[in-house]
Amino acid sequence: MFDFIVYPGDVKQGKPAPDIFIQAAKGVGLKTTECVGFEDAPAGVKGIKDANMPAIAITHNSSEDFSNADLVLTSTSELDFYEIMKKFN
């Protein structure tokens, strides 16, 4: 199903450090600016942004602050591939 998986133990620093997102981009042969990151925690969104990726936050109705995300959704059911491509292409 997935071509490449990065586990937290594969990188030196965990979130909010950008290491895991940078490693994921390298693993699929892309620059971080060619990727979009998805996260459900503010620390993860910070890591995505620090990796120079656009960040999509999936809040699950959380009251946490996701204001630094480029797109904020409540649920993965709101994901629309074509809208994401338009926004970040």
PDB file of N, CA and C in Angstrom:
ATOM      1  N   MET A   1       0.816  -1.187   0.000  1.00  0.00           N
ATOM      2  CA  MET A   1       0.000   0.000   0.000  1.00  0.00           C
ATOM      3  C   MET A   1       0.867   1.262   0.000  1.00  0.00           C
ATOM      4  N   PHE A   2       1.917   1.285   0.790  1.00  0.00           N
ATOM      5  CA  PHE A   2       2.794   2.452   0.859  1.00  0.00           C
ATOM      6  C   PHE A   2       4.153   2.093   0.271  1.00  0.00           C
ATOM      7  N   ASP A   3       4.738   3.033  -0.463  1.00  0.00           N
ATOM      8  CA  ASP A   3       6.059   2.817  -1.041  1.00  0.00           C
ATOM      9  C   ASP A   3       7.172   3.029  -0.024  1.00  0.00           C
ATOM     10  N   PHE A   4       6.906   3.835   0.988  1.00  0.00           N
ATOM     11  CA  PHE A   4       7.945   4.173   1.952  1.00  0.00           C
ATOM     12  C   PHE A   4       7.295   4.554   3.274  1.00  0.00           C
ATOM     13  N   ILE A   5       7.842   4.061   4.362  1.00  0.00           N
ATOM     14  CA  ILE A   5       7.328   4.371   5.700  1.00  0.00           C
ATOM     15  C   ILE A   5       8.499   4.811   6.575  1.00  0.00           C
ATOM     16  N   VAL A   6       8.295   5.867   7.352  1.00  0.00           N
ATOM     17  CA  VAL A   6       9.299   6.326   8.311  1.00  0.00           C
ATOM     18  C   VAL A   6       8.718   6.134   9.710  1.00  0.00           C
ATOM     19  N   TYR A   7       9.486   5.502  10.570  1.00  0.00           N
ATOM     20  CA  TYR A   7       9.092   5.306  11.955  1.00  0.00           C
ATOM     21  C   TYR A   7       9.828   6.322  12.834  1.00  0.00           C
ATOM     22  N   PRO A   8       9.253   6.708  13.956  1.00  0.00           N
ATOM     23  CA  PRO A   8       9.933   7.674  14.830  1.00  0.00           C
ATOM     24  C   PRO A   8      11.353   7.247  15.204  1.00  0.00           C
ATOM     25  N   GLY A   9      11.589   5.962  15.339  1.00  0.00           N
ATOM     26  CA  GLY A   9      12.923   5.474  15.674  1.00  0.00           C
ATOM     27  C   GLY A   9      13.933   5.618  14.548  1.00  0.00           C
ATOM     28  N   ASP A  10      13.453   5.946  13.348  1.00  0.00           N
ATOM     29  CA  ASP A  10      14.335   6.111  12.186  1.00  0.00           C
ATOM     30  C   ASP A  10      15.014   7.476  12.142  1.00  0.00           C
ATOM     31  N   VAL A  11      14.587   8.400  12.993  1.00  0.00           N
ATOM     32  CA  VAL A  11      15.131   9.766  12.959  1.00  0.00           C
ATOM     33  C   VAL A  11      15.687  10.141  14.331  1.00  0.00           C
ATOM     34  N   LYS A  12      16.582  11.126  14.336  1.00  0.00           N
ATOM     35  CA  LYS A  12      17.230  11.528  15.589  1.00  0.00           C
ATOM     36  C   LYS A  12      16.278  12.243  16.531  1.00  0.00           C
ATOM     37  N   GLN A  13      15.491  13.178  15.989  1.00  0.00           N
ATOM     38  CA  GLN A  13      14.604  13.977  16.834  1.00  0.00           C
ATOM     39  C   GLN A  13      13.154  13.748  16.433  1.00  0.00           C
ATOM     40  N   GLY A  14      12.304  13.605  17.431  1.00  0.00           N
ATOM     41  CA  GLY A  14      10.880  13.471  17.171  1.00  0.00           C
ATOM     42  C   GLY A  14      10.214  14.827  16.996  1.00  0.00           C
ATOM     43  N   LYS A  15       8.915  14.780  16.748  1.00  0.00           N
ATOM     44  CA  LYS A  15       8.148  16.011  16.583  1.00  0.00           C
ATOM     45  C   LYS A  15       8.229  16.829  17.869  1.00  0.00           C
ATOM     46  N   PRO A  16       8.331  18.113  17.777  1.00  0.00           N
ATOM     47  CA  PRO A  16       8.061  18.984  16.637  1.00  0.00           C
ATOM     48  C   PRO A  16       9.237  19.206  15.697  1.00  0.00           C
ATOM     49  N   ALA A  17      10.350  18.508  15.879  1.00  0.00           N
ATOM     50  CA  ALA A  17      11.454  18.638  14.918  1.00  0.00           C
ATOM     51  C   ALA A  17      10.975  18.153  13.548  1.00  0.00           C
ATOM     52  N   PRO A  18      11.500  18.699  12.473  1.00  0.00           N
ATOM     53  CA  PRO A  18      11.043  18.342  11.127  1.00  0.00           C
ATOM     54  C   PRO A  18      11.651  17.053  10.575  1.00  0.00           C
ATOM     55  N   ASP A  19      12.502  16.390  11.348  1.00  0.00           N
ATOM     56  CA  ASP A  19      13.281  15.253  10.851  1.00  0.00           C
ATOM     57  C   ASP A  19      12.449  14.188  10.141  1.00  0.00           C
ATOM     58  N   ILE A  20      11.348  13.771  10.738  1.00  0.00           N
ATOM     59  CA  ILE A  20      10.560  12.675  10.170  1.00  0.00           C
ATOM     60  C   ILE A  20       9.939  13.073   8.827  1.00  0.00           C
ATOM     61  N   PHE A  21       9.577  14.336   8.682  1.00  0.00           N
ATOM     62  CA  PHE A  21       8.974  14.801   7.433  1.00  0.00           C
ATOM     63  C   PHE A  21      10.028  14.941   6.336  1.00  0.00           C
ATOM     64  N   ILE A  22      11.211  15.397   6.717  1.00  0.00           N
ATOM     65  CA  ILE A  22      12.320  15.493   5.760  1.00  0.00           C
ATOM     66  C   ILE A  22      12.713  14.097   5.284  1.00  0.00           C
ATOM     67  N   GLN A  23      12.793  13.143   6.214  1.00  0.00           N
ATOM     68  CA  GLN A  23      13.141  11.762   5.862  1.00  0.00           C
ATOM     69  C   GLN A  23      12.075  11.135   4.962  1.00  0.00           C
ATOM     70  N   ALA A  24      10.817  11.423   5.214  1.00  0.00           N
ATOM     71  CA  ALA A  24       9.738  10.893   4.373  1.00  0.00           C
ATOM     72  C   ALA A  24       9.856  11.416   2.947  1.00  0.00           C
ATOM     73  N   ALA A  25      10.130  12.695   2.801  1.00  0.00           N
ATOM     74  CA  ALA A  25      10.294  13.271   1.461  1.00  0.00           C
ATOM     75  C   ALA A  25      11.471  12.628   0.735  1.00  0.00           C
ATOM     76  N   LYS A  26      12.595  12.487   1.433  1.00  0.00           N
ATOM     77  CA  LYS A  26      13.769  11.844   0.831  1.00  0.00           C
ATOM     78  C   LYS A  26      13.445  10.417   0.411  1.00  0.00           C
ATOM     79  N   GLY A  27      12.692   9.730   1.240  1.00  0.00           N
ATOM     80  CA  GLY A  27      12.361   8.330   0.972  1.00  0.00           C
ATOM     81  C   GLY A  27      11.553   8.113  -0.288  1.00  0.00           C
ATOM     82  N   VAL A  28      10.770   9.107  -0.669  1.00  0.00           N
ATOM     83  CA  VAL A  28       9.987   8.989  -1.907  1.00  0.00           C
ATOM     84  C   VAL A  28      10.621   9.787  -3.042  1.00  0.00           C
ATOM     85  N   GLY A  29      11.828  10.306  -2.788  1.00  0.00           N
ATOM     86  CA  GLY A  29      12.577  10.985  -3.837  1.00  0.00           C
ATOM     87  C   GLY A  29      12.076  12.367  -4.211  1.00  0.00           C
ATOM     88  N   LEU A  30      11.489  13.072  -3.243  1.00  0.00           N
ATOM     89  CA  LEU A  30      10.967  14.414  -3.499  1.00  0.00           C
ATOM     90  C   LEU A  30      11.615  15.437  -2.582  1.00  0.00           C
ATOM     91  N   LYS A  31      11.581  16.687  -3.012  1.00  0.00           N
ATOM     92  CA  LYS A  31      11.953  17.790  -2.133  1.00  0.00           C
ATOM     93  C   LYS A  31      10.789  18.010  -1.175  1.00  0.00           C
ATOM     94  N   THR A  32      11.071  18.544  -0.012  1.00  0.00           N
ATOM     95  CA  THR A  32       9.974  18.791   0.936  1.00  0.00           C
ATOM     96  C   THR A  32       8.956  19.772   0.365  1.00  0.00           C
ATOM     97  N   THR A  33       9.407  20.685  -0.474  1.00  0.00           N
ATOM     98  CA  THR A  33       8.489  21.656  -1.078  1.00  0.00           C
ATOM     99  C   THR A  33       7.569  21.017  -2.110  1.00  0.00           C
ATOM    100  N   GLU A  34       7.845  19.768  -2.472  1.00  0.00           N
ATOM    101  CA  GLU A  34       7.005  19.043  -3.426  1.00  0.00           C
ATOM    102  C   GLU A  34       6.017  18.118  -2.721  1.00  0.00           C
ATOM    103  N   CYS A  35       5.964  18.196  -1.407  1.00  0.00           N
ATOM    104  CA  CYS A  35       5.111  17.327  -0.591  1.00  0.00           C
ATOM    105  C   CYS A  35       4.069  18.156   0.149  1.00  0.00           C
ATOM    106  N   VAL A  36       3.073  17.473   0.665  1.00  0.00           N
ATOM    107  CA  VAL A  36       2.087  18.070   1.568  1.00  0.00           C
ATOM    108  C   VAL A  36       2.024  17.162   2.786  1.00  0.00           C
ATOM    109  N   GLY A  37       2.115  17.751   3.975  1.00  0.00           N
ATOM    110  CA  GLY A  37       2.055  16.971   5.200  1.00  0.00           C
ATOM    111  C   GLY A  37       0.683  17.049   5.848  1.00  0.00           C
ATOM    112  N   PHE A  38       0.269  15.937   6.436  1.00  0.00           N
ATOM    113  CA  PHE A  38      -1.008  15.843   7.146  1.00  0.00           C
ATOM    114  C   PHE A  38      -0.705  15.533   8.602  1.00  0.00           C
ATOM    115  N   GLU A  39      -1.359  16.243   9.514  1.00  0.00           N
ATOM    116  CA  GLU A  39      -1.109  16.040  10.943  1.00  0.00           C
ATOM    117  C   GLU A  39      -2.363  16.307  11.753  1.00  0.00           C
ATOM    118  N   ASP A  40      -2.431  15.646  12.915  1.00  0.00           N
ATOM    119  CA  ASP A  40      -3.561  15.880  13.813  1.00  0.00           C
ATOM    120  C   ASP A  40      -3.119  16.471  15.150  1.00  0.00           C
ATOM    121  N   ALA A  41      -1.878  16.946  15.203  1.00  0.00           N
ATOM    122  CA  ALA A  41      -1.373  17.566  16.430  1.00  0.00           C
ATOM    123  C   ALA A  41      -0.583  18.825  16.074  1.00  0.00           C
ATOM    124  N   PRO A  42      -0.715  19.873  16.879  1.00  0.00           N
ATOM    125  CA  PRO A  42       0.028  21.105  16.605  1.00  0.00           C
ATOM    126  C   PRO A  42       1.544  20.895  16.508  1.00  0.00           C
ATOM    127  N   ALA A  43       2.109  20.005  17.318  1.00  0.00           N
ATOM    128  CA  ALA A  43       3.553  19.748  17.247  1.00  0.00           C
ATOM    129  C   ALA A  43       3.930  19.182  15.884  1.00  0.00           C
ATOM    130  N   GLY A  44       3.086  18.322  15.337  1.00  0.00           N
ATOM    131  CA  GLY A  44       3.340  17.774  14.011  1.00  0.00           C
ATOM    132  C   GLY A  44       3.219  18.820  12.926  1.00  0.00           C
ATOM    133  N   VAL A  45       2.237  19.701  13.048  1.00  0.00           N
ATOM    134  CA  VAL A  45       2.081  20.789  12.073  1.00  0.00           C
ATOM    135  C   VAL A  45       3.320  21.677  12.100  1.00  0.00           C
ATOM    136  N   LYS A  46       3.851  21.951  13.287  1.00  0.00           N
ATOM    137  CA  LYS A  46       5.076  22.746  13.394  1.00  0.00           C
ATOM    138  C   LYS A  46       6.226  22.045  12.677  1.00  0.00           C
ATOM    139  N   GLY A  47       6.353  20.742  12.867  1.00  0.00           N
ATOM    140  CA  GLY A  47       7.402  19.984  12.195  1.00  0.00           C
ATOM    141  C   GLY A  47       7.271  20.030  10.686  1.00  0.00           C
ATOM    142  N   ILE A  48       6.049  19.911  10.197  1.00  0.00           N
ATOM    143  CA  ILE A  48       5.800  19.990   8.754  1.00  0.00           C
ATOM    144  C   ILE A  48       6.232  21.351   8.228  1.00  0.00           C
ATOM    145  N   LYS A  49       5.790  22.405   8.889  1.00  0.00           N
ATOM    146  CA  LYS A  49       6.128  23.761   8.445  1.00  0.00           C
ATOM    147  C   LYS A  49       7.640  24.003   8.516  1.00  0.00           C
ATOM    148  N   ASP A  50       8.294  23.492   9.562  1.00  0.00           N
ATOM    149  CA  ASP A  50       9.740  23.648   9.688  1.00  0.00           C
ATOM    150  C   ASP A  50      10.499  22.846   8.627  1.00  0.00           C
ATOM    151  N   ALA A  51       9.835  21.861   8.034  1.00  0.00           N
ATOM    152  CA  ALA A  51      10.422  21.096   6.927  1.00  0.00           C
ATOM    153  C   ALA A  51      10.156  21.776   5.584  1.00  0.00           C
ATOM    154  N   ASN A  52       9.524  22.939   5.622  1.00  0.00           N
ATOM    155  CA  ASN A  52       9.165  23.696   4.407  1.00  0.00           C
ATOM    156  C   ASN A  52       8.141  22.977   3.537  1.00  0.00           C
ATOM    157  N   MET A  53       7.207  22.306   4.196  1.00  0.00           N
ATOM    158  CA  MET A  53       6.091  21.661   3.509  1.00  0.00           C
ATOM    159  C   MET A  53       4.812  22.412   3.837  1.00  0.00           C
ATOM    160  N   PRO A  54       3.860  22.427   2.906  1.00  0.00           N
ATOM    161  CA  PRO A  54       2.523  22.882   3.276  1.00  0.00           C
ATOM    162  C   PRO A  54       1.926  21.880   4.274  1.00  0.00           C
ATOM    163  N   ALA A  55       1.171  22.380   5.233  1.00  0.00           N
ATOM    164  CA  ALA A  55       0.610  21.527   6.279  1.00  0.00           C
ATOM    165  C   ALA A  55      -0.908  21.551   6.255  1.00  0.00           C
ATOM    166  N   ILE A  56      -1.490  20.359   6.291  1.00  0.00           N
ATOM    167  CA  ILE A  56      -2.935  20.210   6.439  1.00  0.00           C
ATOM    168  C   ILE A  56      -3.179  19.615   7.818  1.00  0.00           C
ATOM    169  N   ALA A  57      -3.928  20.332   8.634  1.00  0.00           N
ATOM    170  CA  ALA A  57      -4.265  19.861   9.977  1.00  0.00           C
ATOM    171  C   ALA A  57      -5.622  19.176   9.940  1.00  0.00           C
ATOM    172  N   ILE A  58      -5.698  18.010  10.559  1.00  0.00           N
ATOM    173  CA  ILE A  58      -6.962  17.293  10.740  1.00  0.00           C
ATOM    174  C   ILE A  58      -7.255  17.372  12.236  1.00  0.00           C
ATOM    175  N   THR A  59      -8.206  18.218  12.622  1.00  0.00           N
ATOM    176  CA  THR A  59      -8.381  18.566  14.035  1.00  0.00           C
ATOM    177  C   THR A  59      -9.222  17.587  14.844  1.00  0.00           C
ATOM    178  N   HIS A  60     -10.091  16.824  14.216  1.00  0.00           N
ATOM    179  CA  HIS A  60     -11.001  15.927  14.947  1.00  0.00           C
ATOM    180  C   HIS A  60     -11.737  16.697  16.044  1.00  0.00           C
ATOM    181  N   ASN A  61     -12.146  17.927  15.711  1.00  0.00           N
ATOM    182  CA  ASN A  61     -12.876  18.808  16.631  1.00  0.00           C
ATOM    183  C   ASN A  61     -12.068  19.232  17.851  1.00  0.00           C
ATOM    184  N   SER A  62     -10.765  19.143  17.777  1.00  0.00           N
ATOM    185  CA  SER A  62      -9.907  19.564  18.883  1.00  0.00           C
ATOM    186  C   SER A  62      -9.954  21.083  19.034  1.00  0.00           C
ATOM    187  N   SER A  63      -9.780  21.544  20.253  1.00  0.00           N
ATOM    188  CA  SER A  63      -9.736  22.989  20.493  1.00  0.00           C
ATOM    189  C   SER A  63      -8.298  23.520  20.470  1.00  0.00           C
ATOM    190  N   GLU A  64      -7.340  22.663  20.101  1.00  0.00           N
ATOM    191  CA  GLU A  64      -5.942  23.092  20.046  1.00  0.00           C
ATOM    192  C   GLU A  64      -5.738  24.103  18.918  1.00  0.00           C
ATOM    193  N   ASP A  65      -4.647  24.833  18.999  1.00  0.00           N
ATOM    194  CA  ASP A  65      -4.344  25.886  18.028  1.00  0.00           C
ATOM    195  C   ASP A  65      -3.641  25.308  16.797  1.00  0.00           C
ATOM    196  N   PHE A  66      -4.325  25.345  15.664  1.00  0.00           N
ATOM    197  CA  PHE A  66      -3.771  24.887  14.394  1.00  0.00           C
ATOM    198  C   PHE A  66      -3.614  26.056  13.424  1.00  0.00           C
ATOM    199  N   SER A  67      -3.462  27.259  13.950  1.00  0.00           N
ATOM    200  CA  SER A  67      -3.448  28.448  13.098  1.00  0.00           C
ATOM    201  C   SER A  67      -2.251  28.511  12.148  1.00  0.00           C
ATOM    202  N   ASN A  68      -1.198  27.761  12.423  1.00  0.00           N
ATOM    203  CA  ASN A  68      -0.051  27.787  11.515  1.00  0.00           C
ATOM    204  C   ASN A  68      -0.185  26.800  10.355  1.00  0.00           C
ATOM    205  N   ALA A  69      -1.262  26.024  10.327  1.00  0.00           N
ATOM    206  CA  ALA A  69      -1.504  25.100   9.213  1.00  0.00           C
ATOM    207  C   ALA A  69      -1.990  25.886   7.991  1.00  0.00           C
ATOM    208  N   ASP A  70      -1.686  25.363   6.821  1.00  0.00           N
ATOM    209  CA  ASP A  70      -2.127  26.002   5.582  1.00  0.00           C
ATOM    210  C   ASP A  70      -3.589  25.700   5.274  1.00  0.00           C
ATOM    211  N   LEU A  71      -4.067  24.583   5.773  1.00  0.00           N
ATOM    212  CA  LEU A  71      -5.459  24.180   5.591  1.00  0.00           C
ATOM    213  C   LEU A  71      -5.866  23.415   6.837  1.00  0.00           C
ATOM    214  N   VAL A  72      -7.028  23.734   7.385  1.00  0.00           N
ATOM    215  CA  VAL A  72      -7.513  23.070   8.591  1.00  0.00           C
ATOM    216  C   VAL A  72      -8.831  22.382   8.271  1.00  0.00           C
ATOM    217  N   LEU A  73      -8.875  21.080   8.535  1.00  0.00           N
ATOM    218  CA  LEU A  73     -10.078  20.285   8.327  1.00  0.00           C
ATOM    219  C   LEU A  73     -10.447  19.614   9.638  1.00  0.00           C
ATOM    220  N   THR A  74     -11.715  19.315   9.798  1.00  0.00           N
ATOM    221  CA  THR A  74     -12.165  18.635  11.002  1.00  0.00           C
ATOM    222  C   THR A  74     -11.926  17.138  10.923  1.00  0.00           C
ATOM    223  N   SER A  75     -12.053  16.591   9.722  1.00  0.00           N
ATOM    224  CA  SER A  75     -12.001  15.143   9.543  1.00  0.00           C
ATOM    225  C   SER A  75     -11.364  14.798   8.203  1.00  0.00           C
ATOM    226  N   THR A  76     -10.821  13.607   8.107  1.00  0.00           N
ATOM    227  CA  THR A  76     -10.277  13.157   6.823  1.00  0.00           C
ATOM    228  C   THR A  76     -11.370  13.005   5.774  1.00  0.00           C
ATOM    229  N   SER A  77     -12.615  12.901   6.202  1.00  0.00           N
ATOM    230  CA  SER A  77     -13.712  12.801   5.231  1.00  0.00           C
ATOM    231  C   SER A  77     -13.870  14.093   4.430  1.00  0.00           C
ATOM    232  N   GLU A  78     -13.277  15.175   4.906  1.00  0.00           N
ATOM    233  CA  GLU A  78     -13.323  16.454   4.190  1.00  0.00           C
ATOM    234  C   GLU A  78     -12.223  16.582   3.137  1.00  0.00           C
ATOM    235  N   LEU A  79     -11.323  15.610   3.090  1.00  0.00           N
ATOM    236  CA  LEU A  79     -10.230  15.681   2.119  1.00  0.00           C
ATOM    237  C   LEU A  79     -10.760  15.576   0.700  1.00  0.00           C
ATOM    238  N   ASP A  80     -10.314  16.472  -0.145  1.00  0.00           N
ATOM    239  CA  ASP A  80     -10.680  16.473  -1.558  1.00  0.00           C
ATOM    240  C   ASP A  80      -9.382  16.626  -2.349  1.00  0.00           C
ATOM    241  N   PHE A  81      -8.952  15.552  -2.986  1.00  0.00           N
ATOM    242  CA  PHE A  81      -7.676  15.533  -3.689  1.00  0.00           C
ATOM    243  C   PHE A  81      -7.546  16.684  -4.675  1.00  0.00           C
ATOM    244  N   TYR A  82      -8.581  16.945  -5.441  1.00  0.00           N
ATOM    245  CA  TYR A  82      -8.508  17.994  -6.464  1.00  0.00           C
ATOM    246  C   TYR A  82      -8.401  19.385  -5.844  1.00  0.00           C
ATOM    247  N   GLU A  83      -9.083  19.618  -4.748  1.00  0.00           N
ATOM    248  CA  GLU A  83      -8.968  20.904  -4.056  1.00  0.00           C
ATOM    249  C   GLU A  83      -7.567  21.082  -3.467  1.00  0.00           C
ATOM    250  N   ILE A  84      -7.019  20.006  -2.934  1.00  0.00           N
ATOM    251  CA  ILE A  84      -5.662  20.071  -2.387  1.00  0.00           C
ATOM    252  C   ILE A  84      -4.666  20.373  -3.503  1.00  0.00           C
ATOM    253  N   MET A  85      -4.809  19.724  -4.637  1.00  0.00           N
ATOM    254  CA  MET A  85      -3.912  19.968  -5.769  1.00  0.00           C
ATOM    255  C   MET A  85      -4.018  21.418  -6.240  1.00  0.00           C
ATOM    256  N   LYS A  86      -5.235  21.946  -6.293  1.00  0.00           N
ATOM    257  CA  LYS A  86      -5.408  23.343  -6.707  1.00  0.00           C
ATOM    258  C   LYS A  86      -4.748  24.296  -5.715  1.00  0.00           C
ATOM    259  N   LYS A  87      -4.922  24.013  -4.434  1.00  0.00           N
ATOM    260  CA  LYS A  87      -4.403  24.908  -3.402  1.00  0.00           C
ATOM    261  C   LYS A  87      -2.879  24.894  -3.340  1.00  0.00           C
ATOM    262  N   PHE A  88      -2.274  23.740  -3.509  1.00  0.00           N
ATOM    263  CA  PHE A  88      -0.835  23.617  -3.280  1.00  0.00           C
ATOM    264  C   PHE A  88      -0.010  23.376  -4.538  1.00  0.00           C
ATOM    265  N   ASN A  89      -0.616  23.404  -5.684  1.00  0.00           N
ATOM    266  CA  ASN A  89       0.131  23.131  -6.916  1.00  0.00           C
ATOM    267  C   ASN A  89       0.872  24.361  -7.384  1.00  0.00           C
TER     268      ASN A  89
END
